[in-house]
Full PDB file with SEQRES, HELIX, SHEET, SSBOND, CRYST1, ORIGX, SCALE, CONECT and MASTER records, all heavy atoms in Angstrom:
SEQRES   1 A   42  SER GLY ARG ASP VAL SER GLU ARG PHE THR VAL THR ARG          
SEQRES   2 A   42  ILE ASP ASP ASP GLN TYR GLN LEU LEU PRO LEU ALA GLN          
SEQRES   3 A   42  ASN SER SER VAL SER LYS VAL ARG LEU GLN PHE ASP GLN          
SEQRES   4 A   42  GLN THR LEU                                                  
HELIX    1 AA1 VAL A    5  GLU A    7  5                                   3    
SHEET    1 AA1 3 PHE A   9  ASP A  15  0                                        
SHEET    2 AA1 3 GLN A  18  PRO A  23 -1                                        
SHEET    3 AA1 3 VAL A  33  GLN A  36 -1                                        
CRYST1    1.000    1.000    1.000  90.00  90.00  90.00 P 1           1          
ORIGX1      1.000000  0.000000  0.000000        0.00000                         
ORIGX2      0.000000  1.000000  0.000000        0.00000                         
ORIGX3      0.000000  0.000000  1.000000        0.00000                         
SCALE1      1.000000  0.000000  0.000000        0.00000                         
SCALE2      0.000000  1.000000  0.000000        0.00000                         
SCALE3      0.000000  0.000000  1.000000        0.00000                         
ATOM      1  N   SER A   1      66.401  -7.654  74.104  1.00  0.00           N  
ATOM      2  CA  SER A   1      66.355  -7.384  75.508  1.00  0.00           C  
ATOM      3  C   SER A   1      66.256  -8.619  76.294  1.00  0.00           C  
ATOM      4  O   SER A   1      66.427  -8.739  77.488  1.00  0.00           O  
ATOM      5  CB  SER A   1      65.133  -6.583  75.869  1.00  0.00           C  
ATOM      6  OG  SER A   1      63.905  -7.246  75.561  1.00  0.00           O  
ATOM      7  N   GLY A   2      65.890  -9.801  75.667  1.00  0.00           N  
ATOM      8  CA  GLY A   2      65.771 -11.062  76.321  1.00  0.00           C  
ATOM      9  C   GLY A   2      64.345 -11.349  76.828  1.00  0.00           C  
ATOM     10  O   GLY A   2      64.074 -12.310  77.418  1.00  0.00           O  
ATOM     11  N   ARG A   3      63.490 -10.277  76.709  1.00  0.00           N  
ATOM     12  CA  ARG A   3      62.043 -10.473  77.161  1.00  0.00           C  
ATOM     13  C   ARG A   3      61.405 -11.465  76.203  1.00  0.00           C  
ATOM     14  O   ARG A   3      61.688 -11.574  75.080  1.00  0.00           O  
ATOM     15  CB  ARG A   3      61.359  -9.148  77.096  1.00  0.00           C  
ATOM     16  CG  ARG A   3      61.925  -8.119  77.982  1.00  0.00           C  
ATOM     17  CD  ARG A   3      61.132  -6.803  77.923  1.00  0.00           C  
ATOM     18  NE  ARG A   3      59.755  -7.015  78.334  1.00  0.00           N  
ATOM     19  CZ  ARG A   3      58.778  -6.140  77.871  1.00  0.00           C  
ATOM     20  NH1 ARG A   3      59.021  -5.161  77.059  1.00  0.00           N  
ATOM     21  NH2 ARG A   3      57.557  -6.356  78.249  1.00  0.00           N  
ATOM     22  N   ASP A   4      60.547 -12.229  76.785  1.00  0.00           N  
ATOM     23  CA  ASP A   4      59.824 -13.320  76.080  1.00  0.00           C  
ATOM     24  C   ASP A   4      58.754 -12.725  75.173  1.00  0.00           C  
ATOM     25  O   ASP A   4      57.831 -11.981  75.719  1.00  0.00           O  
ATOM     26  CB  ASP A   4      59.232 -14.268  77.082  1.00  0.00           C  
ATOM     27  CG  ASP A   4      58.735 -15.509  76.467  1.00  0.00           C  
ATOM     28  OD1 ASP A   4      58.522 -15.565  75.256  1.00  0.00           O  
ATOM     29  OD2 ASP A   4      58.472 -16.518  77.172  1.00  0.00           O  
ATOM     30  N   VAL A   5      58.765 -12.901  73.932  1.00  0.00           N  
ATOM     31  CA  VAL A   5      57.772 -12.346  73.049  1.00  0.00           C  
ATOM     32  C   VAL A   5      56.364 -12.868  73.343  1.00  0.00           C  
ATOM     33  O   VAL A   5      55.402 -12.189  73.156  1.00  0.00           O  
ATOM     34  CB  VAL A   5      58.106 -12.706  71.567  1.00  0.00           C  
ATOM     35  CG1 VAL A   5      57.046 -12.249  70.610  1.00  0.00           C  
ATOM     36  CG2 VAL A   5      59.454 -12.041  71.174  1.00  0.00           C  
ATOM     37  N   SER A   6      56.318 -14.045  73.967  1.00  0.00           N  
ATOM     38  CA  SER A   6      54.981 -14.615  74.280  1.00  0.00           C  
ATOM     39  C   SER A   6      54.304 -13.862  75.389  1.00  0.00           C  
ATOM     40  O   SER A   6      53.143 -14.128  75.653  1.00  0.00           O  
ATOM     41  CB  SER A   6      55.139 -16.078  74.625  1.00  0.00           C  
ATOM     42  OG  SER A   6      55.908 -16.240  75.804  1.00  0.00           O  
ATOM     43  N   GLU A   7      54.986 -12.927  75.997  1.00  0.00           N  
ATOM     44  CA  GLU A   7      54.305 -12.073  76.930  1.00  0.00           C  
ATOM     45  C   GLU A   7      53.329 -11.143  76.249  1.00  0.00           C  
ATOM     46  O   GLU A   7      52.304 -10.703  76.834  1.00  0.00           O  
ATOM     47  CB  GLU A   7      55.308 -11.207  77.752  1.00  0.00           C  
ATOM     48  CG  GLU A   7      56.314 -11.908  78.599  1.00  0.00           C  
ATOM     49  CD  GLU A   7      57.314 -10.970  79.204  1.00  0.00           C  
ATOM     50  OE1 GLU A   7      57.114  -9.736  79.107  1.00  0.00           O  
ATOM     51  OE2 GLU A   7      58.289 -11.500  79.843  1.00  0.00           O  
ATOM     52  N   ARG A   8      53.528 -10.861  75.008  1.00  0.00           N  
ATOM     53  CA  ARG A   8      52.645  -9.956  74.250  1.00  0.00           C  
ATOM     54  C   ARG A   8      52.107 -10.566  72.991  1.00  0.00           C  
ATOM     55  O   ARG A   8      51.167  -9.899  72.398  1.00  0.00           O  
ATOM     56  CB  ARG A   8      53.387  -8.680  73.874  1.00  0.00           C  
ATOM     57  CG  ARG A   8      54.049  -7.939  75.064  1.00  0.00           C  
ATOM     58  CD  ARG A   8      52.903  -7.261  75.960  1.00  0.00           C  
ATOM     59  NE  ARG A   8      53.451  -6.562  77.082  1.00  0.00           N  
ATOM     60  CZ  ARG A   8      53.873  -5.287  77.073  1.00  0.00           C  
ATOM     61  NH1 ARG A   8      53.823  -4.631  75.937  1.00  0.00           N  
ATOM     62  NH2 ARG A   8      54.331  -4.763  78.173  1.00  0.00           N  
ATOM     63  N   PHE A   9      52.597 -11.630  72.488  1.00  0.00           N  
ATOM     64  CA  PHE A   9      52.117 -12.293  71.243  1.00  0.00           C  
ATOM     65  C   PHE A   9      51.846 -13.716  71.411  1.00  0.00           C  
ATOM     66  O   PHE A   9      52.471 -14.429  72.228  1.00  0.00           O  
ATOM     67  CB  PHE A   9      53.242 -12.063  70.160  1.00  0.00           C  
ATOM     68  CG  PHE A   9      53.456 -10.639  69.694  1.00  0.00           C  
ATOM     69  CD1 PHE A   9      54.364  -9.863  70.372  1.00  0.00           C  
ATOM     70  CD2 PHE A   9      52.698 -10.127  68.598  1.00  0.00           C  
ATOM     71  CE1 PHE A   9      54.598  -8.609  69.966  1.00  0.00           C  
ATOM     72  CE2 PHE A   9      52.977  -8.809  68.229  1.00  0.00           C  
ATOM     73  CZ  PHE A   9      53.847  -8.047  68.874  1.00  0.00           C  
ATOM     74  N   THR A  10      50.917 -14.217  70.632  1.00  0.00           N  
ATOM     75  CA  THR A  10      50.812 -15.650  70.408  1.00  0.00           C  
ATOM     76  C   THR A  10      51.487 -15.972  69.022  1.00  0.00           C  
ATOM     77  O   THR A  10      51.533 -15.117  68.109  1.00  0.00           O  
ATOM     78  CB  THR A  10      49.295 -16.072  70.262  1.00  0.00           C  
ATOM     79  OG1 THR A  10      48.636 -15.362  69.250  1.00  0.00           O  
ATOM     80  CG2 THR A  10      48.621 -15.817  71.582  1.00  0.00           C  
ATOM     81  N   VAL A  11      52.033 -17.139  68.944  1.00  0.00           N  
ATOM     82  CA  VAL A  11      52.812 -17.557  67.770  1.00  0.00           C  
ATOM     83  C   VAL A  11      52.130 -18.779  67.163  1.00  0.00           C  
ATOM     84  O   VAL A  11      51.890 -19.747  67.885  1.00  0.00           O  
ATOM     85  CB  VAL A  11      54.279 -17.879  68.168  1.00  0.00           C  
ATOM     86  CG1 VAL A  11      55.081 -18.269  66.961  1.00  0.00           C  
ATOM     87  CG2 VAL A  11      54.909 -16.780  68.882  1.00  0.00           C  
ATOM     88  N   THR A  12      51.860 -18.719  65.817  1.00  0.00           N  
ATOM     89  CA  THR A  12      51.268 -19.768  65.156  1.00  0.00           C  
ATOM     90  C   THR A  12      52.076 -20.156  63.916  1.00  0.00           C  
ATOM     91  O   THR A  12      52.551 -19.265  63.209  1.00  0.00           O  
ATOM     92  CB  THR A  12      49.877 -19.409  64.658  1.00  0.00           C  
ATOM     93  OG1 THR A  12      49.024 -19.013  65.771  1.00  0.00           O  
ATOM     94  CG2 THR A  12      49.172 -20.562  63.935  1.00  0.00           C  
ATOM     95  N   ARG A  13      52.353 -21.440  63.721  1.00  0.00           N  
ATOM     96  CA  ARG A  13      53.106 -21.891  62.571  1.00  0.00           C  
ATOM     97  C   ARG A  13      52.085 -21.953  61.316  1.00  0.00           C  
ATOM     98  O   ARG A  13      51.070 -22.680  61.464  1.00  0.00           O  
ATOM     99  CB  ARG A  13      53.742 -23.186  62.744  1.00  0.00           C  
ATOM    100  CG  ARG A  13      54.685 -23.527  61.572  1.00  0.00           C  
ATOM    101  CD  ARG A  13      55.450 -24.832  61.866  1.00  0.00           C  
ATOM    102  NE  ARG A  13      54.629 -26.012  61.766  1.00  0.00           N  
ATOM    103  CZ  ARG A  13      55.134 -27.317  61.766  1.00  0.00           C  
ATOM    104  NH1 ARG A  13      56.447 -27.463  61.789  1.00  0.00           N  
ATOM    105  NH2 ARG A  13      54.350 -28.337  61.562  1.00  0.00           N  
ATOM    106  N   ILE A  14      52.379 -21.235  60.308  1.00  0.00           N  
ATOM    107  CA  ILE A  14      51.466 -21.255  59.072  1.00  0.00           C  
ATOM    108  C   ILE A  14      51.770 -22.540  58.292  1.00  0.00           C  
ATOM    109  O   ILE A  14      50.907 -23.190  57.850  1.00  0.00           O  
ATOM    110  CB  ILE A  14      51.719 -19.980  58.206  1.00  0.00           C  
ATOM    111  CG1 ILE A  14      51.322 -18.743  59.091  1.00  0.00           C  
ATOM    112  CG2 ILE A  14      50.822 -20.022  57.007  1.00  0.00           C  
ATOM    113  CD1 ILE A  14      51.628 -17.460  58.450  1.00  0.00           C  
ATOM    114  N   ASP A  15      53.064 -22.708  58.010  1.00  0.00           N  
ATOM    115  CA  ASP A  15      53.544 -23.993  57.358  1.00  0.00           C  
ATOM    116  C   ASP A  15      54.982 -24.205  57.801  1.00  0.00           C  
ATOM    117  O   ASP A  15      55.393 -23.656  58.813  1.00  0.00           O  
ATOM    118  CB  ASP A  15      53.412 -23.849  55.819  1.00  0.00           C  
ATOM    119  CG  ASP A  15      54.176 -22.640  55.285  1.00  0.00           C  
ATOM    120  OD1 ASP A  15      55.193 -22.281  55.848  1.00  0.00           O  
ATOM    121  OD2 ASP A  15      53.777 -22.120  54.250  1.00  0.00           O  
ATOM    122  N   ASP A  16      55.707 -25.060  57.093  1.00  0.00           N  
ATOM    123  CA  ASP A  16      57.027 -25.410  57.593  1.00  0.00           C  
ATOM    124  C   ASP A  16      58.011 -24.217  57.623  1.00  0.00           C  
ATOM    125  O   ASP A  16      58.922 -24.287  58.349  1.00  0.00           O  
ATOM    126  CB  ASP A  16      57.610 -26.505  56.615  1.00  0.00           C  
ATOM    127  CG  ASP A  16      56.975 -27.864  56.788  1.00  0.00           C  
ATOM    128  OD1 ASP A  16      56.321 -28.041  57.819  1.00  0.00           O  
ATOM    129  OD2 ASP A  16      57.147 -28.695  55.894  1.00  0.00           O  
ATOM    130  N   ASP A  17      57.737 -23.201  56.879  1.00  0.00           N  
ATOM    131  CA  ASP A  17      58.636 -22.066  56.767  1.00  0.00           C  
ATOM    132  C   ASP A  17      58.066 -20.779  57.286  1.00  0.00           C  
ATOM    133  O   ASP A  17      58.868 -19.738  57.361  1.00  0.00           O  
ATOM    134  CB  ASP A  17      59.123 -21.849  55.322  1.00  0.00           C  
ATOM    135  CG  ASP A  17      59.870 -23.121  54.795  1.00  0.00           C  
ATOM    136  OD1 ASP A  17      60.721 -23.606  55.504  1.00  0.00           O  
ATOM    137  OD2 ASP A  17      59.564 -23.509  53.654  1.00  0.00           O  
ATOM    138  N   GLN A  18      56.860 -20.712  57.651  1.00  0.00           N  
ATOM    139  CA  GLN A  18      56.210 -19.431  58.003  1.00  0.00           C  
ATOM    140  C   GLN A  18      55.578 -19.452  59.370  1.00  0.00           C  
ATOM    141  O   GLN A  18      54.939 -20.460  59.740  1.00  0.00           O  
ATOM    142  CB  GLN A  18      55.189 -19.001  56.937  1.00  0.00           C  
ATOM    143  CG  GLN A  18      55.752 -18.856  55.575  1.00  0.00           C  
ATOM    144  CD  GLN A  18      54.649 -18.327  54.644  1.00  0.00           C  
ATOM    145  OE1 GLN A  18      54.273 -17.121  54.661  1.00  0.00           O  
ATOM    146  NE2 GLN A  18      54.282 -19.080  53.679  1.00  0.00           N  
ATOM    147  N   TYR A  19      55.618 -18.335  60.054  1.00  0.00           N  
ATOM    148  CA  TYR A  19      55.063 -18.207  61.400  1.00  0.00           C  
ATOM    149  C   TYR A  19      54.272 -16.853  61.448  1.00  0.00           C  
ATOM    150  O   TYR A  19      54.707 -15.861  60.838  1.00  0.00           O  
ATOM    151  CB  TYR A  19      56.142 -18.238  62.481  1.00  0.00           C  
ATOM    152  CG  TYR A  19      56.844 -19.547  62.505  1.00  0.00           C  
ATOM    153  CD1 TYR A  19      57.873 -19.763  61.643  1.00  0.00           C  
ATOM    154  CD2 TYR A  19      56.466 -20.481  63.406  1.00  0.00           C  
ATOM    155  CE1 TYR A  19      58.608 -20.972  61.656  1.00  0.00           C  
ATOM    156  CE2 TYR A  19      57.164 -21.748  63.408  1.00  0.00           C  
ATOM    157  CZ  TYR A  19      58.210 -21.934  62.569  1.00  0.00           C  
ATOM    158  OH  TYR A  19      58.858 -23.109  62.596  1.00  0.00           O  
ATOM    159  N   GLN A  20      53.250 -16.838  62.262  1.00  0.00           N  
ATOM    160  CA  GLN A  20      52.501 -15.575  62.373  1.00  0.00           C  
ATOM    161  C   GLN A  20      52.446 -15.259  63.934  1.00  0.00           C  
ATOM    162  O   GLN A  20      52.295 -16.153  64.819  1.00  0.00           O  
ATOM    163  CB  GLN A  20      50.981 -15.756  61.910  1.00  0.00           C  
ATOM    164  CG  GLN A  20      50.143 -14.513  62.131  1.00  0.00           C  
ATOM    165  CD  GLN A  20      48.842 -14.726  61.467  1.00  0.00           C  
ATOM    166  OE1 GLN A  20      48.635 -14.345  60.330  1.00  0.00           O  
ATOM    167  NE2 GLN A  20      47.859 -15.298  62.160  1.00  0.00           N  
ATOM    168  N   LEU A  21      52.659 -13.882  64.230  1.00  0.00           N  
ATOM    169  CA  LEU A  21      52.579 -13.439  65.536  1.00  0.00           C  
ATOM    170  C   LEU A  21      51.423 -12.508  65.648  1.00  0.00           C  
ATOM    171  O   LEU A  21      51.196 -11.601  64.818  1.00  0.00           O  
ATOM    172  CB  LEU A  21      53.841 -12.633  65.953  1.00  0.00           C  
ATOM    173  CG  LEU A  21      55.084 -13.410  66.303  1.00  0.00           C  
ATOM    174  CD1 LEU A  21      55.609 -14.256  65.170  1.00  0.00           C  
ATOM    175  CD2 LEU A  21      56.210 -12.415  66.845  1.00  0.00           C  
ATOM    176  N   LEU A  22      50.517 -12.706  66.672  1.00  0.00           N  
ATOM    177  CA  LEU A  22      49.404 -11.824  66.922  1.00  0.00           C  
ATOM    178  C   LEU A  22      49.489 -11.237  68.249  1.00  0.00           C  
ATOM    179  O   LEU A  22      49.736 -11.974  69.268  1.00  0.00           O  
ATOM    180  CB  LEU A  22      48.055 -12.634  66.784  1.00  0.00           C  
ATOM    181  CG  LEU A  22      47.748 -13.271  65.449  1.00  0.00           C  
ATOM    182  CD1 LEU A  22      46.480 -14.092  65.489  1.00  0.00           C  
ATOM    183  CD2 LEU A  22      47.638 -12.198  64.338  1.00  0.00           C  
ATOM    184  N   PRO A  23      49.254  -9.919  68.423  1.00  0.00           N  
ATOM    185  CA  PRO A  23      49.450  -9.232  69.727  1.00  0.00           C  
ATOM    186  C   PRO A  23      48.316  -9.679  70.688  1.00  0.00           C  
ATOM    187  O   PRO A  23      47.197  -9.870  70.184  1.00  0.00           O  
ATOM    188  CB  PRO A  23      49.452  -7.811  69.365  1.00  0.00           C  
ATOM    189  CG  PRO A  23      48.605  -7.650  68.135  1.00  0.00           C  
ATOM    190  CD  PRO A  23      48.973  -8.916  67.318  1.00  0.00           C  
ATOM    191  N   LEU A  24      48.623  -9.763  71.906  1.00  0.00           N  
ATOM    192  CA  LEU A  24      47.670 -10.075  72.911  1.00  0.00           C  
ATOM    193  C   LEU A  24      46.870  -8.776  73.350  1.00  0.00           C  
ATOM    194  O   LEU A  24      45.758  -8.868  73.677  1.00  0.00           O  
ATOM    195  CB  LEU A  24      48.296 -10.700  74.113  1.00  0.00           C  
ATOM    196  CG  LEU A  24      48.956 -12.057  73.913  1.00  0.00           C  
ATOM    197  CD1 LEU A  24      49.648 -12.594  75.140  1.00  0.00           C  
ATOM    198  CD2 LEU A  24      47.877 -13.076  73.423  1.00  0.00           C  
ATOM    199  N   ALA A  25      47.550  -7.616  73.277  1.00  0.00           N  
ATOM    200  CA  ALA A  25      46.945  -6.393  73.693  1.00  0.00           C  
ATOM    201  C   ALA A  25      46.042  -5.853  72.636  1.00  0.00           C  
ATOM    202  O   ALA A  25      46.319  -5.857  71.454  1.00  0.00           O  
ATOM    203  CB  ALA A  25      48.034  -5.408  74.055  1.00  0.00           C  
ATOM    204  N   GLN A  26      44.813  -5.432  73.035  1.00  0.00           N  
ATOM    205  CA  GLN A  26      43.899  -4.841  72.098  1.00  0.00           C  
ATOM    206  C   GLN A  26      44.346  -3.552  71.547  1.00  0.00           C  
ATOM    207  O   GLN A  26      43.953  -3.165  70.419  1.00  0.00           O  
ATOM    208  CB  GLN A  26      42.535  -4.757  72.773  1.00  0.00           C  
ATOM    209  CG  GLN A  26      41.863  -6.021  73.148  1.00  0.00           C  
ATOM    210  CD  GLN A  26      40.483  -5.918  73.666  1.00  0.00           C  
ATOM    211  OE1 GLN A  26      40.059  -4.725  73.912  1.00  0.00           O  
ATOM    212  NE2 GLN A  26      39.792  -7.006  73.958  1.00  0.00           N  
ATOM    213  N   ASN A  27      45.132  -2.796  72.238  1.00  0.00           N  
ATOM    214  CA  ASN A  27      45.539  -1.517  71.818  1.00  0.00           C  
ATOM    215  C   ASN A  27      46.926  -1.496  71.203  1.00  0.00           C  
ATOM    216  O   ASN A  27      47.647  -0.431  71.142  1.00  0.00           O  
ATOM    217  CB  ASN A  27      45.455  -0.497  72.919  1.00  0.00           C  
ATOM    218  CG  ASN A  27      46.404  -0.883  74.108  1.00  0.00           C  
ATOM    219  OD1 ASN A  27      46.931  -1.933  74.183  1.00  0.00           O  
ATOM    220  ND2 ASN A  27      46.651   0.088  75.035  1.00  0.00           N  
ATOM    221  N   SER A  28      47.420  -2.602  70.812  1.00  0.00           N  
ATOM    222  CA  SER A  28      48.768  -2.634  70.223  1.00  0.00           C  
ATOM    223  C   SER A  28      48.870  -1.886  68.915  1.00  0.00           C  
ATOM    224  O   SER A  28      47.893  -1.774  68.127  1.00  0.00           O  
ATOM    225  CB  SER A  28      49.144  -4.184  69.905  1.00  0.00           C  
ATOM    226  OG  SER A  28      50.365  -4.239  69.287  1.00  0.00           O  
ATOM    227  N   SER A  29      50.049  -1.301  68.658  1.00  0.00           N  
ATOM    228  CA  SER A  29      50.249  -0.599  67.351  1.00  0.00           C  
ATOM    229  C   SER A  29      50.449  -1.527  66.184  1.00  0.00           C  
ATOM    230  O   SER A  29      50.444  -1.098  65.006  1.00  0.00           O  
ATOM    231  CB  SER A  29      51.498   0.326  67.511  1.00  0.00           C  
ATOM    232  OG  SER A  29      52.667  -0.430  67.765  1.00  0.00           O  
ATOM    233  N   VAL A  30      50.564  -2.864  66.484  1.00  0.00           N  
ATOM    234  CA  VAL A  30      50.782  -3.816  65.460  1.00  0.00           C  
ATOM    235  C   VAL A  30      49.576  -4.773  65.387  1.00  0.00           C  
ATOM    236  O   VAL A  30      49.102  -5.166  66.448  1.00  0.00           O  
ATOM    237  CB  VAL A  30      52.123  -4.620  65.741  1.00  0.00           C  
ATOM    238  CG1 VAL A  30      52.147  -5.831  64.767  1.00  0.00           C  
ATOM    239  CG2 VAL A  30      53.317  -3.801  65.663  1.00  0.00           C  
ATOM    240  N   SER A  31      49.130  -5.101  64.224  1.00  0.00           N  
ATOM    241  CA  SER A  31      47.994  -5.924  64.035  1.00  0.00           C  
ATOM    242  C   SER A  31      48.428  -7.432  63.958  1.00  0.00           C  
ATOM    243  O   SER A  31      47.919  -8.350  64.565  1.00  0.00           O  
ATOM    244  CB  SER A  31      47.175  -5.597  62.842  1.00  0.00           C  
ATOM    245  OG  SER A  31      46.159  -6.538  62.535  1.00  0.00           O  
ATOM    246  N   LYS A  32      49.544  -7.632  63.109  1.00  0.00           N  
ATOM    247  CA  LYS A  32      50.036  -9.038  63.036  1.00  0.00           C  
ATOM    248  C   LYS A  32      51.438  -8.997  62.325  1.00  0.00           C  
ATOM    249  O   LYS A  32      51.736  -7.927  61.661  1.00  0.00           O  
ATOM    250  CB  LYS A  32      49.136  -9.919  62.206  1.00  0.00           C  
ATOM    251  CG  LYS A  32      48.885  -9.493  60.777  1.00  0.00           C  
ATOM    252  CD  LYS A  32      47.901 -10.467  60.090  1.00  0.00           C  
ATOM    253  CE  LYS A  32      47.555  -9.925  58.694  1.00  0.00           C  
ATOM    254  NZ  LYS A  32      46.524 -10.856  58.007  1.00  0.00           N  
ATOM    255  N   VAL A  33      52.190  -9.983  62.609  1.00  0.00           N  
ATOM    256  CA  VAL A  33      53.607 -10.067  61.997  1.00  0.00           C  
ATOM    257  C   VAL A  33      53.633 -11.524  61.396  1.00  0.00           C  
ATOM    258  O   VAL A  33      53.192 -12.444  62.001  1.00  0.00           O  
ATOM    259  CB  VAL A  33      54.577  -9.962  63.114  1.00  0.00           C  
ATOM    260  CG1 VAL A  33      56.021 -10.146  62.508  1.00  0.00           C  
ATOM    261  CG2 VAL A  33      54.518  -8.606  63.817  1.00  0.00           C  
ATOM    262  N   ARG A  34      54.274 -11.531  60.172  1.00  0.00           N  
ATOM    263  CA  ARG A  34      54.515 -12.785  59.532  1.00  0.00           C  
ATOM    264  C   ARG A  34      56.001 -12.949  59.299  1.00  0.00           C  
ATOM    265  O   ARG A  34      56.665 -12.018  58.800  1.00  0.00           O  
ATOM    266  CB  ARG A  34      53.727 -12.895  58.215  1.00  0.00           C  
ATOM    267  CG  ARG A  34      53.918 -14.296  57.555  1.00  0.00           C  
ATOM    268  CD  ARG A  34      52.935 -14.409  56.446  1.00  0.00           C  
ATOM    269  NE  ARG A  34      53.110 -13.516  55.306  1.00  0.00           N  
ATOM    270  CZ  ARG A  34      53.811 -13.737  54.217  1.00  0.00           C  
ATOM    271  NH1 ARG A  34      54.401 -14.957  54.095  1.00  0.00           N  
ATOM    272  NH2 ARG A  34      53.942 -12.885  53.169  1.00  0.00           N  
ATOM    273  N   LEU A  35      56.533 -14.133  59.618  1.00  0.00           N  
ATOM    274  CA  LEU A  35      57.992 -14.432  59.375  1.00  0.00           C  
ATOM    275  C   LEU A  35      58.084 -15.617  58.415  1.00  0.00           C  
ATOM    276  O   LEU A  35      57.307 -16.558  58.451  1.00  0.00           O  
ATOM    277  CB  LEU A  35      58.594 -14.853  60.742  1.00  0.00           C  
ATOM    278  CG  LEU A  35      58.333 -13.993  61.955  1.00  0.00           C  
ATOM    279  CD1 LEU A  35      59.066 -14.625  63.163  1.00  0.00           C  
ATOM    280  CD2 LEU A  35      58.927 -12.586  61.737  1.00  0.00           C  
ATOM    281  N   GLN A  36      59.039 -15.466  57.531  1.00  0.00           N  
ATOM    282  CA  GLN A  36      59.333 -16.698  56.616  1.00  0.00           C  
ATOM    283  C   GLN A  36      60.788 -17.006  56.678  1.00  0.00           C  
ATOM    284  O   GLN A  36      61.667 -16.053  56.565  1.00  0.00           O  
ATOM    285  CB  GLN A  36      58.863 -16.345  55.201  1.00  0.00           C  
ATOM    286  CG  GLN A  36      59.104 -17.471  54.235  1.00  0.00           C  
ATOM    287  CD  GLN A  36      58.544 -17.190  52.810  1.00  0.00           C  
ATOM    288  OE1 GLN A  36      57.527 -16.458  52.710  1.00  0.00           O  
ATOM    289  NE2 GLN A  36      59.123 -17.781  51.839  1.00  0.00           N  
ATOM    290  N   PHE A  37      61.097 -18.330  56.822  1.00  0.00           N  
ATOM    291  CA  PHE A  37      62.445 -18.741  56.808  1.00  0.00           C  
ATOM    292  C   PHE A  37      62.875 -19.556  55.563  1.00  0.00           C  
ATOM    293  O   PHE A  37      61.981 -20.104  54.999  1.00  0.00           O  
ATOM    294  CB  PHE A  37      62.691 -19.598  58.147  1.00  0.00           C  
ATOM    295  CG  PHE A  37      62.658 -18.844  59.401  1.00  0.00           C  
ATOM    296  CD1 PHE A  37      61.414 -18.604  60.046  1.00  0.00           C  
ATOM    297  CD2 PHE A  37      63.819 -18.422  60.037  1.00  0.00           C  
ATOM    298  CE1 PHE A  37      61.445 -17.923  61.236  1.00  0.00           C  
ATOM    299  CE2 PHE A  37      63.780 -17.736  61.223  1.00  0.00           C  
ATOM    300  CZ  PHE A  37      62.564 -17.487  61.781  1.00  0.00           C  
ATOM    301  N   ASP A  38      64.149 -19.506  55.280  1.00  0.00           N  
ATOM    302  CA  ASP A  38      64.772 -20.508  54.378  1.00  0.00           C  
ATOM    303  C   ASP A  38      65.857 -21.159  55.080  1.00  0.00           C  
ATOM    304  O   ASP A  38      66.920 -20.547  55.401  1.00  0.00           O  
ATOM    305  CB  ASP A  38      65.268 -19.710  53.108  1.00  0.00           C  
ATOM    306  CG  ASP A  38      65.889 -20.591  52.122  1.00  0.00           C  
ATOM    307  OD1 ASP A  38      65.905 -21.887  52.315  1.00  0.00           O  
ATOM    308  OD2 ASP A  38      66.378 -20.190  51.096  1.00  0.00           O  
ATOM    309  N   GLN A  39      65.710 -22.461  55.437  1.00  0.00           N  
ATOM    310  CA  GLN A  39      66.549 -23.084  56.310  1.00  0.00           C  
ATOM    311  C   GLN A  39      66.535 -22.443  57.619  1.00  0.00           C  
ATOM    312  O   GLN A  39      65.551 -22.281  58.230  1.00  0.00           O  
ATOM    313  CB  GLN A  39      68.007 -23.237  55.715  1.00  0.00           C  
ATOM    314  CG  GLN A  39      68.089 -23.906  54.329  1.00  0.00           C  
ATOM    315  CD  GLN A  39      67.604 -25.360  54.460  1.00  0.00           C  
ATOM    316  OE1 GLN A  39      67.926 -26.067  55.393  1.00  0.00           O  
ATOM    317  NE2 GLN A  39      66.934 -25.836  53.411  1.00  0.00           N  
ATOM    318  N   GLN A  40      67.711 -21.900  58.117  1.00  0.00           N  
ATOM    319  CA  GLN A  40      67.829 -21.205  59.367  1.00  0.00           C  
ATOM    320  C   GLN A  40      67.877 -19.658  59.135  1.00  0.00           C  
ATOM    321  O   GLN A  40      68.258 -18.944  60.103  1.00  0.00           O  
ATOM    322  CB  GLN A  40      68.958 -21.713  60.209  1.00  0.00           C  
ATOM    323  CG  GLN A  40      68.707 -23.115  60.716  1.00  0.00           C  
ATOM    324  CD  GLN A  40      67.481 -23.253  61.563  1.00  0.00           C  
ATOM    325  OE1 GLN A  40      67.247 -22.385  62.435  1.00  0.00           O  
ATOM    326  NE2 GLN A  40      66.728 -24.227  61.288  1.00  0.00           N  
ATOM    327  N   THR A  41      67.608 -19.230  57.977  1.00  0.00           N  
ATOM    328  CA  THR A  41      67.731 -17.816  57.659  1.00  0.00           C  
ATOM    329  C   THR A  41      66.352 -17.138  57.555  1.00  0.00           C  
ATOM    330  O   THR A  41      65.487 -17.611  56.825  1.00  0.00           O  
ATOM    331  CB  THR A  41      68.507 -17.570  56.338  1.00  0.00           C  
ATOM    332  OG1 THR A  41      69.787 -18.204  56.509  1.00  0.00           O  
ATOM    333  CG2 THR A  41      68.692 -16.150  56.012  1.00  0.00           C  
ATOM    334  N   LEU A  42      66.207 -15.989  58.153  1.00  0.00           N  
ATOM    335  CA  LEU A  42      64.928 -15.261  58.052  1.00  0.00           C  
ATOM    336  C   LEU A  42      64.996 -14.441  56.729  1.00  0.00           C  
ATOM    337  O   LEU A  42      65.885 -13.613  56.560  1.00  0.00           O  
ATOM    338  CB  LEU A  42      64.821 -14.228  59.246  1.00  0.00           C  
ATOM    339  CG  LEU A  42      63.543 -13.396  59.205  1.00  0.00           C  
ATOM    340  CD1 LEU A  42      62.280 -14.253  59.379  1.00  0.00           C  
ATOM    341  CD2 LEU A  42      63.615 -12.328  60.353  1.00  0.00           C  
TER     342      LEU A  42                                                      
MASTER        0    0    0    1    3    0    0    6  341    1    0    4          
END                                                                             
């Protein structure tokens, strides 16, 4: 949709290849999201 994810999540880099998203809303249906990349591929 083009909406900025940072409106609802904070983004933290775990290491060079991994990122964590935490919702800002207390009543979110999601607790956390983790992403892992290999080069530019998720």
